[in-house]
Amino acid sequence: MARRKHVKRQPDIFQRAFTGAFEQISGAGMLIAACLVGLLLVMALLWGISSWRQKREDQAWKKFAAALREGKPAGQDKRLEEVLKETAGTRAHPMVLLALAARSHQKAIALPARTMGERAKLLGCARRTIEEFLADYPDHRMAVRARANLAKALEDSGQVEKALAAFRQAAEAAADTEFSFMEGELLWGRARCAQKLGRSEKALELLERALDKDRSGRRSGWAIAAAHMRDTLRRPEPAKNLLVKGAARDKPPEEKKAPEKPGEPEKRPTPAPAGTRDKR
């Protein structure tokens, strides 16, 4: 018997359409799967970086707290210098800068008057540290406090004109912020500088504005000092003594004696008789 010829059947249109669609879906699925895997890898990488940063932030704050707990002042200063380098790039770094500036300022104020050279050196260090903070972190939430500290350091350094401008900038920066309660104290700082520059009228005006800003129920320490300063400026000056120093005071006029006539003997009082004396 003759064998039948096997004829290969061609797929019909339905099979061809279904096969093409399946292949397209399979290709898109592979692409989607690859995208999902890539997204998961990116998320894992970001999570790892975030965890590393958070761990570093926690370590930075712990080091900062440990430095502040240092018992000896010299040891605290040295530890803060080390922490400043170790916390670069963290949120603790600007706070370490402010702490170092405050330490330098406090040490300068505590020095006796005879050590003016060392005092000037410490105040200069405090100013430079605060200026570094303001240059690197101008929008930091503690920038207003830093400006106030800079103005006080300038005042204590004897740079009164610069301090006056710095107090004004700090007061303007404090308005409408969480540090608005500092406006009165900063105006008092401006008044002190104005008085040192011989501008008493301006100082009195600033003191009035400062005391109006005191919103506390009872007078705070700076307000008491500002009120005393205002009362002192309001007090009239004592009357000046018109007597020229070294001039002789006026003497009472001497009694004039009647002129004696020529040739007339001088009259002398006659002594009383011995018998008329008082007997005791």
Protein backbone atom coordinates (compact mmCIF):
# COMPACT_ATOMS: atom_id res chain seq x y z
CA MET A 1 0.00 0.00 0.00
CA ALA A 2 1.18 3.42 -0.80
CA ARG A 3 1.92 5.70 2.17
CA ARG A 4 0.03 8.88 2.58
CA LYS A 5 2.00 12.01 2.24
CA HIS A 6 2.24 13.99 5.49
CA VAL A 7 1.36 17.54 4.67
CA LYS A 8 2.45 20.14 7.25
CA ARG A 9 -0.48 22.30 8.10
CA GLN A 10 0.11 25.99 8.28
CA PRO A 11 -1.24 27.77 11.38
CA ASP A 12 -4.41 29.58 10.78
CA ILE A 13 -4.93 33.27 11.39
CA PHE A 14 -6.17 32.76 14.96
CA GLN A 15 -3.12 30.79 15.95
CA ARG A 16 -0.82 33.34 14.39
CA ALA A 17 -2.53 36.24 16.20
CA PHE A 18 -2.49 34.43 19.53
CA THR A 19 1.16 33.45 19.22
CA GLY A 20 2.21 37.01 18.31
CA ALA A 21 0.27 38.49 21.19
CA PHE A 22 1.80 35.98 23.60
CA GLU A 23 5.28 36.82 22.42
CA GLN A 24 4.60 40.56 22.84
CA ILE A 25 3.18 40.01 26.31
CA SER A 26 6.14 37.87 27.25
CA GLY A 27 8.58 40.55 26.06
CA ALA A 28 6.73 43.32 27.94
CA GLY A 29 6.56 41.13 31.03
CA MET A 30 10.28 40.57 30.95
CA LEU A 31 10.83 44.32 30.61
CA ILE A 32 8.47 45.05 33.49
CA ALA A 33 10.14 42.43 35.61
CA ALA A 34 13.54 43.91 34.87
CA CYS A 35 12.26 47.38 35.81
CA LEU A 36 10.81 46.05 39.06
CA VAL A 37 14.07 44.34 39.95
CA GLY A 38 15.99 47.56 39.20
CA LEU A 39 13.56 49.58 41.29
CA LEU A 40 13.93 47.20 44.20
CA LEU A 41 17.71 47.43 43.95
CA VAL A 42 17.56 51.24 43.95
CA MET A 43 15.21 51.24 46.93
CA ALA A 44 17.50 48.87 48.81
CA LEU A 45 20.49 51.08 48.03
CA LEU A 46 18.67 54.22 49.20
CA TRP A 47 17.53 52.46 52.35
CA GLY A 48 21.09 51.38 53.05
CA ILE A 49 22.42 54.93 52.52
CA SER A 50 19.65 56.36 54.71
CA SER A 51 20.39 53.86 57.46
CA TRP A 52 24.10 54.67 57.27
CA ARG A 53 23.42 58.39 57.47
CA GLN A 54 21.03 57.97 60.37
CA LYS A 55 23.57 55.87 62.20
CA ARG A 56 26.24 58.50 61.58
CA GLU A 57 23.89 61.25 62.78
CA ASP A 58 23.17 59.33 65.97
CA GLN A 59 26.87 58.79 66.60
CA ALA A 60 27.59 62.50 65.98
CA TRP A 61 24.99 63.62 68.53
CA LYS A 62 26.26 61.09 71.08
CA LYS A 63 29.82 62.38 70.66
CA PHE A 64 28.61 65.96 71.03
CA ALA A 65 26.70 65.13 74.22
CA ALA A 66 29.72 63.29 75.63
CA ALA A 67 31.95 66.31 74.95
CA LEU A 68 29.54 68.61 76.79
CA ARG A 69 29.56 66.27 79.78
CA GLU A 70 33.33 66.52 80.05
CA GLY A 71 34.19 67.65 83.57
CA LYS A 72 37.33 69.72 83.09
CA PRO A 73 37.02 72.89 80.95
CA ALA A 74 40.30 72.24 79.14
CA GLY A 75 39.23 68.68 78.36
CA GLN A 76 35.87 69.91 77.11
CA ASP A 77 37.48 72.38 74.71
CA LYS A 78 39.82 69.73 73.32
CA ARG A 79 37.00 67.21 72.93
CA LEU A 80 34.78 69.74 71.16
CA GLU A 81 37.59 70.44 68.67
CA GLU A 82 37.82 66.72 67.94
CA VAL A 83 34.05 66.34 67.61
CA LEU A 84 33.96 69.29 65.19
CA LYS A 85 36.12 67.33 62.74
CA GLU A 86 34.30 64.05 63.32
CA THR A 87 30.82 65.52 62.75
CA ALA A 88 31.51 67.28 59.43
CA GLY A 89 28.51 66.87 57.13
CA THR A 90 26.06 66.06 59.94
CA ARG A 91 23.33 68.14 61.56
CA ALA A 92 25.36 68.19 64.77
CA HIS A 93 28.23 70.10 63.14
CA PRO A 94 26.65 73.62 63.30
CA MET A 95 25.71 73.09 66.95
CA VAL A 96 29.30 72.15 67.76
CA LEU A 97 30.43 75.42 66.13
CA LEU A 98 28.05 77.43 68.30
CA ALA A 99 29.19 75.57 71.42
CA LEU A 100 32.85 76.32 70.65
CA ALA A 101 32.07 80.01 70.07
CA ALA A 102 30.16 80.19 73.36
CA ARG A 103 33.05 78.54 75.23
CA SER A 104 35.57 81.05 73.85
CA HIS A 105 33.30 83.98 74.74
CA GLN A 106 32.68 82.74 78.28
CA LYS A 107 36.39 82.20 78.92
CA ALA A 108 37.16 85.72 77.63
CA ILE A 109 34.61 87.33 79.95
CA ALA A 110 35.89 85.35 82.94
CA LEU A 111 39.48 86.55 82.47
CA PRO A 112 40.71 89.39 84.71
CA ALA A 113 41.22 92.82 83.20
CA ARG A 114 45.01 92.55 83.28
CA THR A 115 45.04 89.79 80.66
CA MET A 116 43.75 91.96 77.84
CA GLY A 117 45.82 90.18 75.18
CA GLU A 118 44.43 86.75 75.97
CA ARG A 119 40.92 88.18 76.26
CA ALA A 120 41.15 89.77 72.81
CA LYS A 121 42.45 86.50 71.37
CA LEU A 122 39.53 84.49 72.77
CA LEU A 123 36.95 87.04 71.61
CA GLY A 124 38.48 87.01 68.14
CA CYS A 125 38.22 83.21 68.09
CA ALA A 126 34.54 83.42 69.11
CA ARG A 127 33.78 85.94 66.36
CA ARG A 128 35.50 83.87 63.66
CA THR A 129 33.67 80.71 64.72
CA ILE A 130 30.27 82.44 64.59
CA GLU A 131 31.09 83.99 61.21
CA GLU A 132 31.98 80.52 59.92
CA PHE A 133 28.64 79.23 61.17
CA LEU A 134 26.71 82.06 59.47
CA ALA A 135 28.64 81.57 56.20
CA ASP A 136 27.97 77.80 56.09
CA TYR A 137 24.47 77.76 57.60
CA PRO A 138 22.77 81.12 56.87
CA ASP A 139 19.27 79.56 57.00
CA HIS A 140 19.82 77.47 60.12
CA ARG A 141 17.14 77.81 62.79
CA MET A 142 19.82 79.01 65.24
CA ALA A 143 21.14 81.71 62.90
CA VAL A 144 19.29 84.45 64.81
CA ARG A 145 20.90 83.39 68.08
CA ALA A 146 24.28 83.29 66.34
CA ARG A 147 23.82 86.88 65.10
CA ALA A 148 22.98 88.02 68.62
CA ASN A 149 26.10 86.29 69.99
CA LEU A 150 28.22 87.91 67.28
CA ALA A 151 26.93 91.38 68.20
CA LYS A 152 27.73 90.79 71.89
CA ALA A 153 31.23 89.53 71.04
CA LEU A 154 31.85 92.66 68.96
CA GLU A 155 30.65 94.87 71.80
CA ASP A 156 32.90 93.12 74.31
CA SER A 157 35.81 93.49 71.87
CA GLY A 158 35.37 97.28 71.83
CA GLN A 159 34.17 97.39 68.20
CA VAL A 160 31.11 99.42 69.14
CA GLU A 161 30.17 100.69 65.66
CA LYS A 162 30.21 97.15 64.24
CA ALA A 163 28.33 95.88 67.28
CA LEU A 164 25.63 98.52 66.77
CA ALA A 165 25.09 97.34 63.18
CA ALA A 166 25.18 93.68 64.24
CA PHE A 167 22.54 94.22 66.94
CA ARG A 168 20.29 95.90 64.36
CA GLN A 169 20.69 93.00 61.90
CA ALA A 170 19.98 90.47 64.64
CA ALA A 171 16.82 92.32 65.73
CA GLU A 172 15.57 92.48 62.13
CA ALA A 173 16.27 88.76 61.67
CA ALA A 174 14.44 87.88 64.91
CA ALA A 175 11.18 89.61 63.88
CA ASP A 176 8.35 87.21 62.98
CA THR A 177 10.36 84.14 64.02
CA GLU A 178 10.44 81.88 67.05
CA PHE A 179 13.13 84.21 68.42
CA SER A 180 10.92 87.30 68.34
CA PHE A 181 11.06 87.35 72.16
CA MET A 182 14.69 88.49 71.78
CA GLU A 183 13.82 91.79 70.06
CA GLY A 184 13.70 93.77 73.30
CA GLU A 185 17.04 92.42 74.52
CA LEU A 186 18.65 93.18 71.14
CA LEU A 187 17.28 96.74 71.22
CA TRP A 188 18.83 97.10 74.67
CA GLY A 189 22.14 96.01 73.14
CA ARG A 190 21.78 98.73 70.49
CA ALA A 191 21.05 101.26 73.24
CA ARG A 192 24.23 100.31 75.11
CA CYS A 193 26.30 100.80 71.97
CA ALA A 194 24.62 104.14 71.23
CA GLN A 195 25.37 105.38 74.74
CA LYS A 196 29.03 104.33 74.42
CA LEU A 197 29.21 106.33 71.20
CA GLY A 198 27.82 109.41 72.98
CA ARG A 199 24.37 109.28 71.36
CA SER A 200 22.28 109.60 74.51
CA GLU A 201 19.07 110.69 72.78
CA LYS A 202 19.19 107.70 70.42
CA ALA A 203 19.98 105.40 73.35
CA LEU A 204 16.95 106.70 75.27
CA GLU A 205 14.69 106.13 72.24
CA LEU A 206 15.98 102.56 71.83
CA LEU A 207 15.46 101.86 75.54
CA GLU A 208 11.83 102.95 75.34
CA ARG A 209 11.28 100.63 72.37
CA ALA A 210 13.09 97.79 74.14
CA LEU A 211 10.94 98.04 77.27
CA ASP A 212 7.79 98.10 75.14
CA LYS A 213 8.90 94.74 73.68
CA ASP A 214 9.15 93.12 77.12
CA ARG A 215 6.22 90.72 76.97
CA SER A 216 6.97 88.79 80.13
CA GLY A 217 4.61 89.10 83.05
CA ARG A 218 7.41 90.22 85.33
CA ARG A 219 10.48 92.18 84.35
CA SER A 220 13.29 89.93 83.14
CA GLY A 221 16.93 90.59 84.01
CA TRP A 222 17.74 92.58 80.90
CA ALA A 223 14.55 94.65 81.27
CA ILE A 224 15.48 95.65 84.83
CA ALA A 225 18.92 96.75 83.63
CA ALA A 226 17.38 98.61 80.67
CA ALA A 227 14.90 100.43 82.95
CA HIS A 228 17.73 101.50 85.26
CA MET A 229 19.72 102.75 82.28
CA ARG A 230 16.69 104.69 81.01
CA ASP A 231 16.10 106.32 84.39
CA THR A 232 19.77 107.29 84.57
CA LEU A 233 19.63 108.96 81.15
CA ARG A 234 16.42 110.78 82.08
CA ARG A 235 17.88 112.12 85.33
CA PRO A 236 18.77 115.82 85.01
CA GLU A 237 22.40 116.81 85.39
CA PRO A 238 23.35 118.44 88.72
CA ALA A 239 23.66 122.24 88.72
CA LYS A 240 27.17 123.35 87.94
CA ASN A 241 29.10 125.26 90.64
CA LEU A 242 29.86 128.68 89.19
CA LEU A 243 32.69 129.29 91.67
CA VAL A 244 35.95 129.18 89.82
CA LYS A 245 38.26 126.56 91.19
CA GLY A 246 41.10 128.20 93.12
CA ALA A 247 39.41 131.60 93.45
CA ALA A 248 39.27 133.15 96.91
CA ARG A 249 35.90 133.21 98.55
CA ASP A 250 34.30 136.55 99.35
CA LYS A 251 35.15 137.80 102.84
CA PRO A 252 32.61 139.63 104.98
CA PRO A 253 33.18 143.41 105.03
CA GLU A 254 35.22 144.68 107.94
CA GLU A 255 33.67 147.10 110.38
CA LYS A 256 34.88 150.64 109.83
CA LYS A 257 36.27 152.49 112.85
CA ALA A 258 35.72 156.19 113.32
CA PRO A 259 38.88 158.15 112.48
CA GLU A 260 40.72 159.53 115.50
CA LYS A 261 41.19 163.29 115.80
CA PRO A 262 44.76 164.50 115.69
CA GLY A 263 46.27 165.25 119.11
CA GLU A 264 43.52 163.37 120.95
CA PRO A 265 44.89 160.63 123.20
CA GLU A 266 43.87 157.07 122.56
CA LYS A 267 40.97 156.01 124.72
CA ARG A 268 41.58 152.90 126.75
CA PRO A 269 39.01 151.06 128.90
CA THR A 270 39.38 151.91 132.59
CA PRO A 271 39.87 148.89 134.87
CA ALA A 272 37.25 148.21 137.46
CA PRO A 273 38.15 148.83 141.17
CA ALA A 274 39.49 145.87 143.07
CA GLY A 275 36.65 145.88 145.56
CA THR A 276 33.98 145.63 142.89
CA ARG A 277 35.22 142.31 141.49
CA ASP A 278 32.86 139.34 141.70
CA LYS A 279 33.41 137.29 144.76
CA ARG A 280 33.10 133.60 144.39
